[in-house]
Amino acid sequence: MDELLEIQNVTKRFGSRQALNEVSFRLGAGTITGLLGSNGSGKSTLMKLIAGLSRPSSGRISVIGVPVGMDSKSLVSFMPDVPVTESWMKVGDALRFQQDFYPDFDQSKALRMLEFMKLRTEDKVRTLSKGMNERLQLTLALSRRARLYLLDEPIGGVDPVARTKILNALMEFYEEDSSILLSTHLVTDIERIFDEVIFLKDGEIVLHHSVEALRQERGKSIDELFREVFAEC
């Protein structure tokens, strides 16, 4: 398995508050990894660091050997936990904006995803439900030809039907030579798609293992392990 992402001793401080403490891990190509933790555990902070939107206080991050910065932006596609669209847009406007901003945006893939997601280019963004908007944000992120996809809480606050559609889209349109790092605190509905999981608690990694090995060794689901680790959060 080729190494795609390397995090080395990354610490991030905001004034006197330490959001991440000496975080280190590696991810290979062709994996879907769950970054699991309760709210405030440091998941979004770590995502932004990998995406190059923020800099670590110390430590190093690289994607296929390229240090995170301007040169890594074409390798990473980031879906933040807030929409990247504007309320005046139609779905088609959002696709054109993404295509203008990212040379690697695959318009044909985006249109295939829209059809799968039951979205139309003439739909107005402001009239979309929470679940439909999440489907649009995922379409925008996954339609870039990147190597690493960062999805920050893609199923947060949406109903079970929308969650199922989003997870099915991930499996349908996932490129096997790339990797996905997906953060969530909603484990029950989503653990079925993970190859690996990382538990992040109070800014530190407390577990990083393959899902299959964990289930065999512990005899528990990932959700059960998550509830044990974060029972006091």
C-alpha atoms as a PDB file:
ATOM      1  CA  MET A   1       0.000   0.000   0.000  1.00  0.00           C
ATOM      2  CA  ASP A   2       1.562   3.296  -1.133  1.00  0.00           C
ATOM      3  CA  GLU A   3       1.874   6.005   1.498  1.00  0.00           C
ATOM      4  CA  LEU A   4      -0.314   8.981   0.682  1.00  0.00           C
ATOM      5  CA  LEU A   5      -0.560  11.121   3.809  1.00  0.00           C
ATOM      6  CA  GLU A   6       2.050  11.527   6.540  1.00  0.00           C
ATOM      7  CA  ILE A   7       1.468  13.481   9.749  1.00  0.00           C
ATOM      8  CA  GLN A   8       4.575  13.903  11.904  1.00  0.00           C
ATOM      9  CA  ASN A   9       4.372  15.195  15.491  1.00  0.00           C
ATOM     10  CA  VAL A  10       1.796  17.877  14.673  1.00  0.00           C
ATOM     11  CA  THR A  11       0.809  20.269  17.425  1.00  0.00           C
ATOM     12  CA  LYS A  12      -1.584  23.197  17.035  1.00  0.00           C
ATOM     13  CA  ARG A  13      -2.148  25.928  19.594  1.00  0.00           C
ATOM     14  CA  PHE A  14      -4.605  28.808  19.593  1.00  0.00           C
ATOM     15  CA  GLY A  15      -3.122  31.151  22.151  1.00  0.00           C
ATOM     16  CA  SER A  16      -3.000  29.229  25.432  1.00  0.00           C
ATOM     17  CA  ARG A  17      -5.350  26.494  24.157  1.00  0.00           C
ATOM     18  CA  GLN A  18      -3.805  23.404  22.624  1.00  0.00           C
ATOM     19  CA  ALA A  19      -6.094  21.877  19.987  1.00  0.00           C
ATOM     20  CA  LEU A  20      -3.711  19.118  18.825  1.00  0.00           C
ATOM     21  CA  ASN A  21      -0.818  17.532  20.687  1.00  0.00           C
ATOM     22  CA  GLU A  22       1.975  15.587  18.937  1.00  0.00           C
ATOM     23  CA  VAL A  23      -0.340  13.914  16.408  1.00  0.00           C
ATOM     24  CA  SER A  24       1.364  11.381  14.118  1.00  0.00           C
ATOM     25  CA  PHE A  25      -0.055   8.866  11.638  1.00  0.00           C
ATOM     26  CA  ARG A  26       0.217   7.672   8.050  1.00  0.00           C
ATOM     27  CA  LEU A  27      -2.460   6.755   5.520  1.00  0.00           C
ATOM     28  CA  GLY A  28      -2.001   4.657   2.412  1.00  0.00           C
ATOM     29  CA  ALA A  29      -3.639   5.016  -0.977  1.00  0.00           C
ATOM     30  CA  GLY A  30      -6.946   3.292  -1.635  1.00  0.00           C
ATOM     31  CA  THR A  31      -8.388   3.592   1.869  1.00  0.00           C
ATOM     32  CA  ILE A  32     -11.396   5.196   3.518  1.00  0.00           C
ATOM     33  CA  THR A  33     -10.449   6.238   7.034  1.00  0.00           C
ATOM     34  CA  GLY A  34     -12.778   7.480   9.740  1.00  0.00           C
ATOM     35  CA  LEU A  35     -11.470  10.315  11.907  1.00  0.00           C
ATOM     36  CA  LEU A  36     -13.686   9.799  14.917  1.00  0.00           C
ATOM     37  CA  GLY A  37     -14.091  11.972  17.959  1.00  0.00           C
ATOM     38  CA  SER A  38     -16.577  13.971  19.969  1.00  0.00           C
ATOM     39  CA  ASN A  39     -17.194  17.658  19.274  1.00  0.00           C
ATOM     40  CA  GLY A  40     -14.127  19.689  20.225  1.00  0.00           C
ATOM     41  CA  SER A  41     -11.715  16.774  19.911  1.00  0.00           C
ATOM     42  CA  GLY A  42      -9.633  18.519  17.210  1.00  0.00           C
ATOM     43  CA  LYS A  43     -11.016  16.864  14.076  1.00  0.00           C
ATOM     44  CA  SER A  44     -11.801  20.054  12.139  1.00  0.00           C
ATOM     45  CA  THR A  45      -8.516  21.627  13.176  1.00  0.00           C
ATOM     46  CA  LEU A  46      -6.601  18.639  11.827  1.00  0.00           C
ATOM     47  CA  MET A  47      -8.595  18.689   8.579  1.00  0.00           C
ATOM     48  CA  LYS A  48      -7.792  22.370   8.009  1.00  0.00           C
ATOM     49  CA  LEU A  49      -4.103  21.744   8.629  1.00  0.00           C
ATOM     50  CA  ILE A  50      -4.007  18.927   6.070  1.00  0.00           C
ATOM     51  CA  ALA A  51      -5.915  21.101   3.579  1.00  0.00           C
ATOM     52  CA  GLY A  52      -3.339  23.867   4.031  1.00  0.00           C
ATOM     53  CA  LEU A  53      -5.859  26.367   5.403  1.00  0.00           C
ATOM     54  CA  SER A  54      -3.950  26.665   8.651  1.00  0.00           C
ATOM     55  CA  ARG A  55      -0.386  25.978   9.767  1.00  0.00           C
ATOM     56  CA  PRO A  56       0.686  23.729  12.623  1.00  0.00           C
ATOM     57  CA  SER A  57       2.470  25.252  15.586  1.00  0.00           C
ATOM     58  CA  SER A  58       5.006  22.457  15.168  1.00  0.00           C
ATOM     59  CA  GLY A  59       5.381  19.255  13.181  1.00  0.00           C
ATOM     60  CA  ARG A  60       5.126  18.365   9.495  1.00  0.00           C
ATOM     61  CA  ILE A  61       2.405  17.228   7.085  1.00  0.00           C
ATOM     62  CA  SER A  62       2.974  15.887   3.571  1.00  0.00           C
ATOM     63  CA  VAL A  63       0.795  14.412   0.808  1.00  0.00           C
ATOM     64  CA  ILE A  64       2.598  11.875  -1.444  1.00  0.00           C
ATOM     65  CA  GLY A  65       5.812  13.413  -0.164  1.00  0.00           C
ATOM     66  CA  VAL A  66       4.823  17.004  -0.952  1.00  0.00           C
ATOM     67  CA  PRO A  67       4.846  19.297   2.112  1.00  0.00           C
ATOM     68  CA  VAL A  68       1.452  20.884   2.711  1.00  0.00           C
ATOM     69  CA  GLY A  69       1.359  24.327   1.135  1.00  0.00           C
ATOM     70  CA  MET A  70       0.748  25.796  -2.294  1.00  0.00           C
ATOM     71  CA  ASP A  71       2.186  22.743  -4.064  1.00  0.00           C
ATOM     72  CA  SER A  72      -0.142  20.333  -2.259  1.00  0.00           C
ATOM     73  CA  LYS A  73      -3.421  22.140  -2.974  1.00  0.00           C
ATOM     74  CA  SER A  74      -3.981  20.287  -6.246  1.00  0.00           C
ATOM     75  CA  LEU A  75      -3.587  16.970  -4.405  1.00  0.00           C
ATOM     76  CA  VAL A  76      -6.213  17.618  -1.717  1.00  0.00           C
ATOM     77  CA  SER A  77      -9.959  18.255  -2.000  1.00  0.00           C
ATOM     78  CA  PHE A  78     -11.587  19.551   1.175  1.00  0.00           C
ATOM     79  CA  MET A  79     -15.272  19.502   2.062  1.00  0.00           C
ATOM     80  CA  PRO A  80     -15.562  21.715   5.175  1.00  0.00           C
ATOM     81  CA  ASP A  81     -18.345  21.442   7.729  1.00  0.00           C
ATOM     82  CA  VAL A  82     -19.957  24.619   6.344  1.00  0.00           C
ATOM     83  CA  PRO A  83     -21.230  25.017   2.741  1.00  0.00           C
ATOM     84  CA  VAL A  84     -18.856  26.466   0.133  1.00  0.00           C
ATOM     85  CA  THR A  85     -21.810  27.700  -1.942  1.00  0.00           C
ATOM     86  CA  GLU A  86     -23.651  31.031  -1.815  1.00  0.00           C
ATOM     87  CA  SER A  87     -27.405  31.371  -1.368  1.00  0.00           C
ATOM     88  CA  TRP A  88     -27.858  33.227  -4.692  1.00  0.00           C
ATOM     89  CA  MET A  89     -26.461  30.285  -6.656  1.00  0.00           C
ATOM     90  CA  LYS A  90     -28.197  27.589  -8.595  1.00  0.00           C
ATOM     91  CA  VAL A  91     -26.604  24.142  -8.553  1.00  0.00           C
ATOM     92  CA  GLY A  92     -25.232  24.780 -12.041  1.00  0.00           C
ATOM     93  CA  ASP A  93     -23.609  28.024 -10.819  1.00  0.00           C
ATOM     94  CA  ALA A  94     -21.884  26.086  -8.041  1.00  0.00           C
ATOM     95  CA  LEU A  95     -20.423  23.646 -10.572  1.00  0.00           C
ATOM     96  CA  ARG A  96     -19.189  26.468 -12.819  1.00  0.00           C
ATOM     97  CA  PHE A  97     -17.644  28.280  -9.841  1.00  0.00           C
ATOM     98  CA  GLN A  98     -15.828  25.101  -8.822  1.00  0.00           C
ATOM     99  CA  GLN A  99     -14.638  24.515 -12.390  1.00  0.00           C
ATOM    100  CA  ASP A 100     -13.305  28.084 -12.644  1.00  0.00           C
ATOM    101  CA  PHE A 101     -11.510  27.798  -9.315  1.00  0.00           C
ATOM    102  CA  TYR A 102     -10.066  24.273  -9.690  1.00  0.00           C
ATOM    103  CA  PRO A 103      -8.515  23.201 -13.026  1.00  0.00           C
ATOM    104  CA  ASP A 104      -8.859  19.556 -11.949  1.00  0.00           C
ATOM    105  CA  PHE A 105     -12.650  19.758 -11.555  1.00  0.00           C
ATOM    106  CA  ASP A 106     -14.286  16.955 -13.569  1.00  0.00           C
ATOM    107  CA  GLN A 107     -17.533  18.378 -14.960  1.00  0.00           C
ATOM    108  CA  SER A 108     -18.723  15.071 -16.428  1.00  0.00           C
ATOM    109  CA  LYS A 109     -18.242  13.295 -13.097  1.00  0.00           C
ATOM    110  CA  ALA A 110     -20.082  16.116 -11.334  1.00  0.00           C
ATOM    111  CA  LEU A 111     -23.057  15.742 -13.669  1.00  0.00           C
ATOM    112  CA  ARG A 112     -23.123  11.975 -13.084  1.00  0.00           C
ATOM    113  CA  MET A 113     -23.074  12.588  -9.338  1.00  0.00           C
ATOM    114  CA  LEU A 114     -25.892  15.122  -9.573  1.00  0.00           C
ATOM    115  CA  GLU A 115     -28.034  12.548 -11.326  1.00  0.00           C
ATOM    116  CA  PHE A 116     -27.196   9.963  -8.669  1.00  0.00           C
ATOM    117  CA  MET A 117     -27.971  12.507  -5.936  1.00  0.00           C
ATOM    118  CA  LYS A 118     -31.315  13.501  -7.526  1.00  0.00           C
ATOM    119  CA  LEU A 119     -30.127  17.087  -7.966  1.00  0.00           C
ATOM    120  CA  ARG A 120     -30.715  19.316 -10.996  1.00  0.00           C
ATOM    121  CA  THR A 121     -28.498  22.126 -12.287  1.00  0.00           C
ATOM    122  CA  GLU A 122     -31.456  24.533 -12.210  1.00  0.00           C
ATOM    123  CA  ASP A 123     -32.193  23.857  -8.498  1.00  0.00           C
ATOM    124  CA  LYS A 124     -31.676  26.938  -6.319  1.00  0.00           C
ATOM    125  CA  VAL A 125     -29.217  26.433  -3.470  1.00  0.00           C
ATOM    126  CA  ARG A 126     -31.341  28.414  -1.005  1.00  0.00           C
ATOM    127  CA  THR A 127     -34.302  26.053  -1.518  1.00  0.00           C
ATOM    128  CA  LEU A 128     -32.318  22.852  -0.899  1.00  0.00           C
ATOM    129  CA  SER A 129     -32.961  20.878   2.273  1.00  0.00           C
ATOM    130  CA  LYS A 130     -30.077  20.212   4.652  1.00  0.00           C
ATOM    131  CA  GLY A 131     -29.655  16.731   3.213  1.00  0.00           C
ATOM    132  CA  MET A 132     -29.774  17.894  -0.397  1.00  0.00           C
ATOM    133  CA  ASN A 133     -27.259  20.639   0.346  1.00  0.00           C
ATOM    134  CA  GLU A 134     -24.905  18.069   1.876  1.00  0.00           C
ATOM    135  CA  ARG A 135     -25.242  16.005  -1.310  1.00  0.00           C
ATOM    136  CA  LEU A 136     -24.279  19.062  -3.354  1.00  0.00           C
ATOM    137  CA  GLN A 137     -21.252  19.828  -1.167  1.00  0.00           C
ATOM    138  CA  LEU A 138     -20.090  16.223  -1.505  1.00  0.00           C
ATOM    139  CA  THR A 139     -20.523  16.391  -5.284  1.00  0.00           C
ATOM    140  CA  LEU A 140     -18.353  19.507  -5.446  1.00  0.00           C
ATOM    141  CA  ALA A 141     -15.606  17.898  -3.360  1.00  0.00           C
ATOM    142  CA  LEU A 142     -15.544  14.453  -4.981  1.00  0.00           C
ATOM    143  CA  SER A 143     -15.643  15.811  -8.534  1.00  0.00           C
ATOM    144  CA  ARG A 144     -12.110  17.132  -8.268  1.00  0.00           C
ATOM    145  CA  ARG A 145      -9.342  14.826  -9.529  1.00  0.00           C
ATOM    146  CA  ALA A 146      -7.459  14.848  -6.236  1.00  0.00           C
ATOM    147  CA  ARG A 147      -5.474  12.170  -4.399  1.00  0.00           C
ATOM    148  CA  LEU A 148      -6.802  12.891  -0.910  1.00  0.00           C
ATOM    149  CA  TYR A 149     -10.393  13.827  -0.076  1.00  0.00           C
ATOM    150  CA  LEU A 150     -11.073  15.432   3.300  1.00  0.00           C
ATOM    151  CA  LEU A 151     -14.734  15.288   4.311  1.00  0.00           C
ATOM    152  CA  ASP A 152     -15.540  17.120   7.548  1.00  0.00           C
ATOM    153  CA  GLU A 153     -18.810  15.859   9.083  1.00  0.00           C
ATOM    154  CA  PRO A 154     -20.526  15.129   5.729  1.00  0.00           C
ATOM    155  CA  ILE A 155     -23.545  13.526   7.415  1.00  0.00           C
ATOM    156  CA  GLY A 156     -23.856  15.909  10.339  1.00  0.00           C
ATOM    157  CA  GLY A 157     -27.433  16.981  11.007  1.00  0.00           C
ATOM    158  CA  VAL A 158     -29.045  15.190   8.065  1.00  0.00           C
ATOM    159  CA  ASP A 159     -31.811  12.611   8.194  1.00  0.00           C
ATOM    160  CA  PRO A 160     -31.189   8.839   7.800  1.00  0.00           C
ATOM    161  CA  VAL A 161     -32.379   8.806   4.175  1.00  0.00           C
ATOM    162  CA  ALA A 162     -29.906  11.540   3.231  1.00  0.00           C
ATOM    163  CA  ARG A 163     -27.127   9.759   5.144  1.00  0.00           C
ATOM    164  CA  THR A 164     -27.715   6.572   3.194  1.00  0.00           C
ATOM    165  CA  LYS A 165     -27.641   8.452  -0.117  1.00  0.00           C
ATOM    166  CA  ILE A 166     -24.402  10.219   0.833  1.00  0.00           C
ATOM    167  CA  LEU A 167     -22.692   6.992   1.906  1.00  0.00           C
ATOM    168  CA  ASN A 168     -23.822   5.211  -1.244  1.00  0.00           C
ATOM    169  CA  ALA A 169     -22.423   8.075  -3.312  1.00  0.00           C
ATOM    170  CA  LEU A 170     -19.090   7.774  -1.534  1.00  0.00           C
ATOM    171  CA  MET A 171     -18.852   4.112  -2.441  1.00  0.00           C
ATOM    172  CA  GLU A 172     -20.067   4.691  -6.004  1.00  0.00           C
ATOM    173  CA  PHE A 173     -17.765   7.577  -6.941  1.00  0.00           C
ATOM    174  CA  TYR A 174     -14.705   6.850  -4.822  1.00  0.00           C
ATOM    175  CA  GLU A 175     -11.487   6.632  -6.889  1.00  0.00           C
ATOM    176  CA  GLU A 176      -9.518   3.577  -5.792  1.00  0.00           C
ATOM    177  CA  ASP A 177      -6.079   5.170  -6.191  1.00  0.00           C
ATOM    178  CA  SER A 178      -7.069   8.029  -3.888  1.00  0.00           C
ATOM    179  CA  SER A 179      -7.956   8.072  -0.196  1.00  0.00           C
ATOM    180  CA  ILE A 180     -10.724   9.574   1.894  1.00  0.00           C
ATOM    181  CA  LEU A 181     -10.334  10.915   5.424  1.00  0.00           C
ATOM    182  CA  LEU A 182     -13.806  11.445   6.854  1.00  0.00           C
ATOM    183  CA  SER A 183     -14.464  13.041  10.221  1.00  0.00           C
ATOM    184  CA  THR A 184     -17.616  12.297  12.181  1.00  0.00           C
ATOM    185  CA  HIS A 185     -19.055  11.691  15.625  1.00  0.00           C
ATOM    186  CA  LEU A 186     -21.989   9.725  14.132  1.00  0.00           C
ATOM    187  CA  VAL A 187     -20.465   6.268  13.921  1.00  0.00           C
ATOM    188  CA  THR A 188     -23.428   3.882  13.745  1.00  0.00           C
ATOM    189  CA  ASP A 189     -24.584   4.759  10.242  1.00  0.00           C
ATOM    190  CA  ILE A 190     -21.187   5.123   8.657  1.00  0.00           C
ATOM    191  CA  GLU A 191     -18.759   2.550  10.074  1.00  0.00           C
ATOM    192  CA  ARG A 192     -19.609   0.068   7.306  1.00  0.00           C
ATOM    193  CA  ILE A 193     -17.592   2.069   4.747  1.00  0.00           C
ATOM    194  CA  PHE A 194     -14.375   2.443   6.788  1.00  0.00           C
ATOM    195  CA  ASP A 195     -11.162   0.508   6.159  1.00  0.00           C
ATOM    196  CA  GLU A 196      -9.417   2.153   9.117  1.00  0.00           C
ATOM    197  CA  VAL A 197     -10.402   4.343  12.036  1.00  0.00           C
ATOM    198  CA  ILE A 198      -8.540   6.957  14.032  1.00  0.00           C
ATOM    199  CA  PHE A 199      -9.914   7.958  17.439  1.00  0.00           C
ATOM    200  CA  LEU A 200      -8.993  11.540  18.311  1.00  0.00           C
ATOM    201  CA  LYS A 201      -9.629  12.596  21.896  1.00  0.00           C
ATOM    202  CA  ASP A 202      -8.627  15.932  23.436  1.00  0.00           C
ATOM    203  CA  GLY A 203      -6.280  16.578  20.528  1.00  0.00           C
ATOM    204  CA  GLU A 204      -4.441  13.263  20.799  1.00  0.00           C
ATOM    205  CA  ILE A 205      -4.723   9.963  18.920  1.00  0.00           C
ATOM    206  CA  VAL A 206      -5.846   7.207  21.265  1.00  0.00           C
ATOM    207  CA  LEU A 207      -6.387   4.526  18.607  1.00  0.00           C
ATOM    208  CA  HIS A 208      -5.486   3.942  14.928  1.00  0.00           C
ATOM    209  CA  HIS A 209      -6.233   0.515  13.502  1.00  0.00           C
ATOM    210  CA  SER A 210      -7.887  -1.328  10.650  1.00  0.00           C
ATOM    211  CA  VAL A 211     -11.594  -1.931  11.168  1.00  0.00           C
ATOM    212  CA  GLU A 212     -11.374  -5.641  10.408  1.00  0.00           C
ATOM    213  CA  ALA A 213      -8.570  -6.187  12.926  1.00  0.00           C
ATOM    214  CA  LEU A 214     -10.394  -4.230  15.614  1.00  0.00           C
ATOM    215  CA  ARG A 215     -13.574  -6.237  15.214  1.00  0.00           C
ATOM    216  CA  GLN A 216     -11.655  -9.518  15.372  1.00  0.00           C
ATOM    217  CA  GLU A 217      -9.458  -8.530  18.330  1.00  0.00           C
ATOM    218  CA  ARG A 218     -12.068  -6.713  20.408  1.00  0.00           C
ATOM    219  CA  GLY A 219     -15.211  -8.561  19.324  1.00  0.00           C
ATOM    220  CA  LYS A 220     -17.085  -5.279  19.171  1.00  0.00           C
ATOM    221  CA  SER A 221     -18.401  -2.890  16.545  1.00  0.00           C
ATOM    222  CA  ILE A 222     -16.602   0.392  15.939  1.00  0.00           C
ATOM    223  CA  ASP A 223     -19.596   2.198  17.422  1.00  0.00           C
ATOM    224  CA  GLU A 224     -19.314   0.167  20.638  1.00  0.00           C
ATOM    225  CA  LEU A 225     -15.603   0.961  20.903  1.00  0.00           C
ATOM    226  CA  PHE A 226     -16.306   4.627  20.197  1.00  0.00           C
ATOM    227  CA  ARG A 227     -18.869   4.765  23.004  1.00  0.00           C
ATOM    228  CA  GLU A 228     -16.358   3.208  25.425  1.00  0.00           C
ATOM    229  CA  VAL A 229     -13.524   5.581  24.555  1.00  0.00           C
ATOM    230  CA  PHE A 230     -15.674   8.725  24.550  1.00  0.00           C
ATOM    231  CA  ALA A 231     -18.047   7.812  27.384  1.00  0.00           C
ATOM    232  CA  GLU A 232     -16.800  10.690  29.517  1.00  0.00           C
ATOM    233  CA  CYS A 233     -16.826  13.322  26.754  1.00  0.00           C
END
